[in-house]
PDB file of all heavy atoms in Angstrom:
ATOM      1  N   GLN A   1       0.816  -1.207   0.000  1.00  0.00           N
ATOM      2  CA  GLN A   1       0.000   0.000   0.000  1.00  0.00           C
ATOM      3  C   GLN A   1       0.853   1.262   0.000  1.00  0.00           C
ATOM      4  O   GLN A   1       0.530   2.252  -0.662  1.00  0.00           O
ATOM      5  CB  GLN A   1      -0.950  -0.020   1.198  1.00  0.00           C
ATOM      6  CG  GLN A   1      -2.068  -1.049   1.068  1.00  0.00           C
ATOM      7  CD  GLN A   1      -2.977  -1.067   2.285  1.00  0.00           C
ATOM      8  OE1 GLN A   1      -2.549  -1.409   3.382  1.00  0.00           O
ATOM      9  NE2 GLN A   1      -4.223  -0.690   2.083  1.00  0.00           N
ATOM     10  N   ALA A   2       1.962   1.231   0.740  1.00  0.00           N
ATOM     11  CA  ALA A   2       2.827   2.404   0.806  1.00  0.00           C
ATOM     12  C   ALA A   2       3.481   2.699  -0.541  1.00  0.00           C
ATOM     13  O   ALA A   2       3.610   3.861  -0.938  1.00  0.00           O
ATOM     14  CB  ALA A   2       3.901   2.208   1.875  1.00  0.00           C
ATOM     15  N   VAL A   3       3.904   1.655  -1.247  1.00  0.00           N
ATOM     16  CA  VAL A   3       4.524   1.850  -2.556  1.00  0.00           C
ATOM     17  C   VAL A   3       3.488   2.322  -3.572  1.00  0.00           C
ATOM     18  O   VAL A   3       3.743   3.209  -4.388  1.00  0.00           O
ATOM     19  CB  VAL A   3       5.227   0.559  -3.018  1.00  0.00           C
ATOM     20  CG1 VAL A   3       5.732   0.695  -4.460  1.00  0.00           C
ATOM     21  CG2 VAL A   3       6.389   0.229  -2.094  1.00  0.00           C
ATOM     22  N   GLY A   4       2.318   1.677  -3.534  1.00  0.00           N
ATOM     23  CA  GLY A   4       1.227   2.132  -4.375  1.00  0.00           C
ATOM     24  C   GLY A   4       1.281   1.706  -5.829  1.00  0.00           C
ATOM     25  O   GLY A   4       0.484   2.160  -6.640  1.00  0.00           O
ATOM     26  N   ALA A   5       2.203   0.826  -6.184  1.00  0.00           N
ATOM     27  CA  ALA A   5       2.291   0.351  -7.566  1.00  0.00           C
ATOM     28  C   ALA A   5       1.243  -0.743  -7.797  1.00  0.00           C
ATOM     29  O   ALA A   5       1.177  -1.705  -7.025  1.00  0.00           O
ATOM     30  CB  ALA A   5       3.686  -0.197  -7.846  1.00  0.00           C
ATOM     31  N   PRO A   6       0.438  -0.645  -8.838  1.00  0.00           N
ATOM     32  CA  PRO A   6      -0.616  -1.640  -9.049  1.00  0.00           C
ATOM     33  C   PRO A   6      -0.097  -3.040  -9.344  1.00  0.00           C
ATOM     34  O   PRO A   6      -0.828  -4.020  -9.177  1.00  0.00           O
ATOM     35  CB  PRO A   6      -1.414  -1.077 -10.233  1.00  0.00           C
ATOM     36  CG  PRO A   6      -0.481  -0.137 -10.922  1.00  0.00           C
ATOM     37  CD  PRO A   6       0.395   0.433  -9.851  1.00  0.00           C
ATOM     38  N   ASN A   7       1.153  -3.143  -9.780  1.00  0.00           N
ATOM     39  CA  ASN A   7       1.721  -4.456 -10.088  1.00  0.00           C
ATOM     40  C   ASN A   7       2.609  -4.985  -8.966  1.00  0.00           C
ATOM     41  O   ASN A   7       3.350  -5.955  -9.164  1.00  0.00           O
ATOM     42  CB  ASN A   7       2.507  -4.405 -11.397  1.00  0.00           C
ATOM     43  CG  ASN A   7       3.717  -3.479 -11.314  1.00  0.00           C
ATOM     44  OD1 ASN A   7       3.698  -2.474 -10.602  1.00  0.00           O
ATOM     45  ND2 ASN A   7       4.774  -3.817 -12.044  1.00  0.00           N
ATOM     46  N   LEU A   8       2.552  -4.382  -7.783  1.00  0.00           N
ATOM     47  CA  LEU A   8       3.264  -4.894  -6.615  1.00  0.00           C
ATOM     48  C   LEU A   8       2.278  -5.684  -5.763  1.00  0.00           C
ATOM     49  O   LEU A   8       1.228  -5.159  -5.370  1.00  0.00           O
ATOM     50  CB  LEU A   8       3.869  -3.754  -5.804  1.00  0.00           C
ATOM     51  CG  LEU A   8       4.641  -4.166  -4.538  1.00  0.00           C
ATOM     52  CD1 LEU A   8       5.857  -5.018  -4.894  1.00  0.00           C
ATOM     53  CD2 LEU A   8       5.070  -2.933  -3.742  1.00  0.00           C
ATOM     54  N   GLN A   9       2.607  -6.961  -5.491  1.00  0.00           N
ATOM     55  CA  GLN A   9       1.684  -7.848  -4.796  1.00  0.00           C
ATOM     56  C   GLN A   9       2.416  -8.645  -3.722  1.00  0.00           C
ATOM     57  O   GLN A   9       3.642  -8.615  -3.618  1.00  0.00           O
ATOM     58  CB  GLN A   9       1.015  -8.798  -5.799  1.00  0.00           C
ATOM     59  CG  GLN A   9       0.197  -8.094  -6.869  1.00  0.00           C
ATOM     60  CD  GLN A   9      -0.374  -9.070  -7.875  1.00  0.00           C
ATOM     61  OE1 GLN A   9       0.316  -9.950  -8.387  1.00  0.00           O
ATOM     62  NE2 GLN A   9      -1.663  -8.926  -8.166  1.00  0.00           N
ATOM     63  N   VAL A  10       1.628  -9.375  -2.943  1.00  0.00           N
ATOM     64  CA  VAL A  10       2.162 -10.179  -1.847  1.00  0.00           C
ATOM     65  C   VAL A  10       2.175 -11.653  -2.254  1.00  0.00           C
ATOM     66  O   VAL A  10       1.209 -12.169  -2.826  1.00  0.00           O
ATOM     67  CB  VAL A  10       1.313 -10.003  -0.574  1.00  0.00           C
ATOM     68  CG1 VAL A  10       1.805 -10.946   0.539  1.00  0.00           C
ATOM     69  CG2 VAL A  10       1.369  -8.551  -0.098  1.00  0.00           C
ATOM     70  N   GLN A  11       3.265 -12.296  -1.942  1.00  0.00           N
ATOM     71  CA  GLN A  11       3.402 -13.745  -2.084  1.00  0.00           C
ATOM     72  C   GLN A  11       3.066 -14.355  -0.719  1.00  0.00           C
ATOM     73  O   GLN A  11       3.833 -14.212   0.234  1.00  0.00           O
ATOM     74  CB  GLN A  11       4.837 -14.078  -2.504  1.00  0.00           C
ATOM     75  CG  GLN A  11       5.116 -15.526  -2.813  1.00  0.00           C
ATOM     76  CD  GLN A  11       6.473 -15.670  -3.483  1.00  0.00           C
ATOM     77  OE1 GLN A  11       6.756 -15.020  -4.488  1.00  0.00           O
ATOM     78  NE2 GLN A  11       7.332 -16.499  -2.923  1.00  0.00           N
ATOM     79  N   PHE A  12       1.938 -14.998  -0.625  1.00  0.00           N
ATOM     80  CA  PHE A  12       1.381 -15.478   0.643  1.00  0.00           C
ATOM     81  C   PHE A  12       1.772 -16.946   0.807  1.00  0.00           C
ATOM     82  O   PHE A  12       1.167 -17.832   0.211  1.00  0.00           O
ATOM     83  CB  PHE A  12      -0.140 -15.310   0.623  1.00  0.00           C
ATOM     84  CG  PHE A  12      -0.846 -15.542   1.936  1.00  0.00           C
ATOM     85  CD1 PHE A  12      -1.985 -14.814   2.236  1.00  0.00           C
ATOM     86  CD2 PHE A  12      -0.418 -16.470   2.863  1.00  0.00           C
ATOM     87  CE1 PHE A  12      -2.679 -15.013   3.432  1.00  0.00           C
ATOM     88  CE2 PHE A  12      -1.082 -16.685   4.056  1.00  0.00           C
ATOM     89  CZ  PHE A  12      -2.218 -15.945   4.335  1.00  0.00           C
ATOM     90  N   ASP A  13       2.784 -17.190   1.614  1.00  0.00           N
ATOM     91  CA  ASP A  13       3.255 -18.552   1.884  1.00  0.00           C
ATOM     92  C   ASP A  13       2.636 -19.016   3.194  1.00  0.00           C
ATOM     93  O   ASP A  13       2.926 -18.480   4.260  1.00  0.00           O
ATOM     94  CB  ASP A  13       4.782 -18.557   1.959  1.00  0.00           C
ATOM     95  CG  ASP A  13       5.360 -19.956   2.003  1.00  0.00           C
ATOM     96  OD1 ASP A  13       4.842 -20.791   2.786  1.00  0.00           O
ATOM     97  OD2 ASP A  13       6.335 -20.225   1.284  1.00  0.00           O
ATOM     98  N   LEU A  14       1.783 -20.034   3.110  1.00  0.00           N
ATOM     99  CA  LEU A  14       1.047 -20.493   4.286  1.00  0.00           C
ATOM    100  C   LEU A  14       1.985 -21.090   5.331  1.00  0.00           C
ATOM    101  O   LEU A  14       1.705 -21.014   6.536  1.00  0.00           O
ATOM    102  CB  LEU A  14      -0.021 -21.511   3.882  1.00  0.00           C
ATOM    103  CG  LEU A  14      -1.354 -20.933   3.375  1.00  0.00           C
ATOM    104  CD1 LEU A  14      -1.169 -20.084   2.115  1.00  0.00           C
ATOM    105  CD2 LEU A  14      -2.356 -22.054   3.108  1.00  0.00           C
ATOM    106  N   TYR A  15       3.085 -21.676   4.889  1.00  0.00           N
ATOM    107  CA  TYR A  15       4.087 -22.231   5.805  1.00  0.00           C
ATOM    108  C   TYR A  15       4.688 -21.134   6.675  1.00  0.00           C
ATOM    109  O   TYR A  15       4.709 -21.226   7.910  1.00  0.00           O
ATOM    110  CB  TYR A  15       5.154 -22.949   4.971  1.00  0.00           C
ATOM    111  CG  TYR A  15       6.454 -23.253   5.678  1.00  0.00           C
ATOM    112  CD1 TYR A  15       6.577 -24.359   6.508  1.00  0.00           C
ATOM    113  CD2 TYR A  15       7.575 -22.443   5.468  1.00  0.00           C
ATOM    114  CE1 TYR A  15       7.789 -24.644   7.134  1.00  0.00           C
ATOM    115  CE2 TYR A  15       8.784 -22.728   6.085  1.00  0.00           C
ATOM    116  CZ  TYR A  15       8.888 -23.829   6.915  1.00  0.00           C
ATOM    117  OH  TYR A  15      10.079 -24.109   7.532  1.00  0.00           O
ATOM    118  N   HIS A  16       5.162 -20.068   6.057  1.00  0.00           N
ATOM    119  CA  HIS A  16       5.752 -18.971   6.825  1.00  0.00           C
ATOM    120  C   HIS A  16       4.704 -18.304   7.721  1.00  0.00           C
ATOM    121  O   HIS A  16       5.005 -17.924   8.860  1.00  0.00           O
ATOM    122  CB  HIS A  16       6.356 -17.935   5.877  1.00  0.00           C
ATOM    123  CG  HIS A  16       7.535 -18.430   5.104  1.00  0.00           C
ATOM    124  ND1 HIS A  16       8.652 -18.957   5.710  1.00  0.00           N
ATOM    125  CD2 HIS A  16       7.767 -18.478   3.762  1.00  0.00           C
ATOM    126  CE1 HIS A  16       9.534 -19.300   4.782  1.00  0.00           C
ATOM    127  NE2 HIS A  16       9.017 -19.020   3.598  1.00  0.00           N
ATOM    128  N   CYS A  17       3.508 -18.147   7.191  1.00  0.00           N
ATOM    129  CA  CYS A  17       2.444 -17.488   7.964  1.00  0.00           C
ATOM    130  C   CYS A  17       2.116 -18.268   9.221  1.00  0.00           C
ATOM    131  O   CYS A  17       1.946 -17.680  10.305  1.00  0.00           O
ATOM    132  CB  CYS A  17       1.208 -17.318   7.087  1.00  0.00           C
ATOM    133  SG  CYS A  17      -0.146 -16.416   7.874  1.00  0.00           S
ATOM    134  N   GLN A  18       2.024 -19.575   9.115  1.00  0.00           N
ATOM    135  CA  GLN A  18       1.706 -20.387  10.293  1.00  0.00           C
ATOM    136  C   GLN A  18       2.792 -20.266  11.358  1.00  0.00           C
ATOM    137  O   GLN A  18       2.497 -20.138  12.547  1.00  0.00           O
ATOM    138  CB  GLN A  18       1.530 -21.843   9.885  1.00  0.00           C
ATOM    139  CG  GLN A  18       1.414 -22.836  11.037  1.00  0.00           C
ATOM    140  CD  GLN A  18       0.157 -22.662  11.879  1.00  0.00           C
ATOM    141  OE1 GLN A  18      -0.714 -21.858  11.551  1.00  0.00           O
ATOM    142  NE2 GLN A  18       0.064 -23.409  12.962  1.00  0.00           N
ATOM    143  N   ILE A  19       4.046 -20.276  10.953  1.00  0.00           N
ATOM    144  CA  ILE A  19       5.141 -20.211  11.921  1.00  0.00           C
ATOM    145  C   ILE A  19       5.167 -18.856  12.625  1.00  0.00           C
ATOM    146  O   ILE A  19       5.382 -18.775  13.838  1.00  0.00           O
ATOM    147  CB  ILE A  19       6.483 -20.500  11.221  1.00  0.00           C
ATOM    148  CG1 ILE A  19       6.532 -21.958  10.752  1.00  0.00           C
ATOM    149  CG2 ILE A  19       7.659 -20.208  12.150  1.00  0.00           C
ATOM    150  CD1 ILE A  19       7.716 -22.297   9.881  1.00  0.00           C
ATOM    151  N   MET A  20       4.946 -17.790  11.887  1.00  0.00           N
ATOM    152  CA  MET A  20       5.064 -16.453  12.459  1.00  0.00           C
ATOM    153  C   MET A  20       3.788 -15.957  13.128  1.00  0.00           C
ATOM    154  O   MET A  20       3.847 -15.184  14.087  1.00  0.00           O
ATOM    155  CB  MET A  20       5.467 -15.447  11.367  1.00  0.00           C
ATOM    156  CG  MET A  20       6.846 -15.666  10.806  1.00  0.00           C
ATOM    157  SD  MET A  20       8.173 -15.593  12.050  1.00  0.00           S
ATOM    158  CE  MET A  20       8.070 -13.883  12.568  1.00  0.00           C
ATOM    159  N   GLU A  21       2.615 -16.375  12.606  1.00  0.00           N
ATOM    160  CA  GLU A  21       1.378 -15.743  13.046  1.00  0.00           C
ATOM    161  C   GLU A  21       0.248 -16.707  13.377  1.00  0.00           C
ATOM    162  O   GLU A  21      -0.525 -16.452  14.299  1.00  0.00           O
ATOM    163  CB  GLU A  21       0.871 -14.803  11.948  1.00  0.00           C
ATOM    164  CG  GLU A  21       1.894 -13.796  11.461  1.00  0.00           C
ATOM    165  CD  GLU A  21       1.331 -12.955  10.338  1.00  0.00           C
ATOM    166  OE1 GLU A  21       0.442 -12.117  10.614  1.00  0.00           O
ATOM    167  OE2 GLU A  21       1.764 -13.146   9.181  1.00  0.00           O
ATOM    168  N   GLY A  22       0.108 -17.783  12.594  1.00  0.00           N
ATOM    169  CA  GLY A  22      -1.061 -18.628  12.741  1.00  0.00           C
ATOM    170  C   GLY A  22      -2.309 -17.943  12.193  1.00  0.00           C
ATOM    171  O   GLY A  22      -2.222 -16.958  11.459  1.00  0.00           O
ATOM    172  N   ASP A  23      -3.474 -18.480  12.554  1.00  0.00           N
ATOM    173  CA  ASP A  23      -4.752 -17.901  12.110  1.00  0.00           C
ATOM    174  C   ASP A  23      -4.778 -17.763  10.593  1.00  0.00           C
ATOM    175  O   ASP A  23      -5.211 -16.747  10.035  1.00  0.00           O
ATOM    176  CB  ASP A  23      -4.958 -16.541  12.790  1.00  0.00           C
ATOM    177  CG  ASP A  23      -6.423 -16.136  12.877  1.00  0.00           C
ATOM    178  OD1 ASP A  23      -7.295 -17.026  12.728  1.00  0.00           O
ATOM    179  OD2 ASP A  23      -6.694 -14.945  13.090  1.00  0.00           O
ATOM    180  N   VAL A  24      -4.309 -18.807   9.907  1.00  0.00           N
ATOM    181  CA  VAL A  24      -4.049 -18.720   8.474  1.00  0.00           C
ATOM    182  C   VAL A  24      -5.336 -18.535   7.672  1.00  0.00           C
ATOM    183  O   VAL A  24      -5.396 -17.699   6.754  1.00  0.00           O
ATOM    184  CB  VAL A  24      -3.284 -19.971   7.996  1.00  0.00           C
ATOM    185  CG1 VAL A  24      -3.084 -19.944   6.501  1.00  0.00           C
ATOM    186  CG2 VAL A  24      -1.933 -20.069   8.714  1.00  0.00           C
TER     187      VAL A  24
END
């Protein structure tokens, strides 16, 4: 959101998300 480029996106890795945050 801060960069604001329409072609900038997030790569959502469920493995990393579970280790760091959970609530996937």
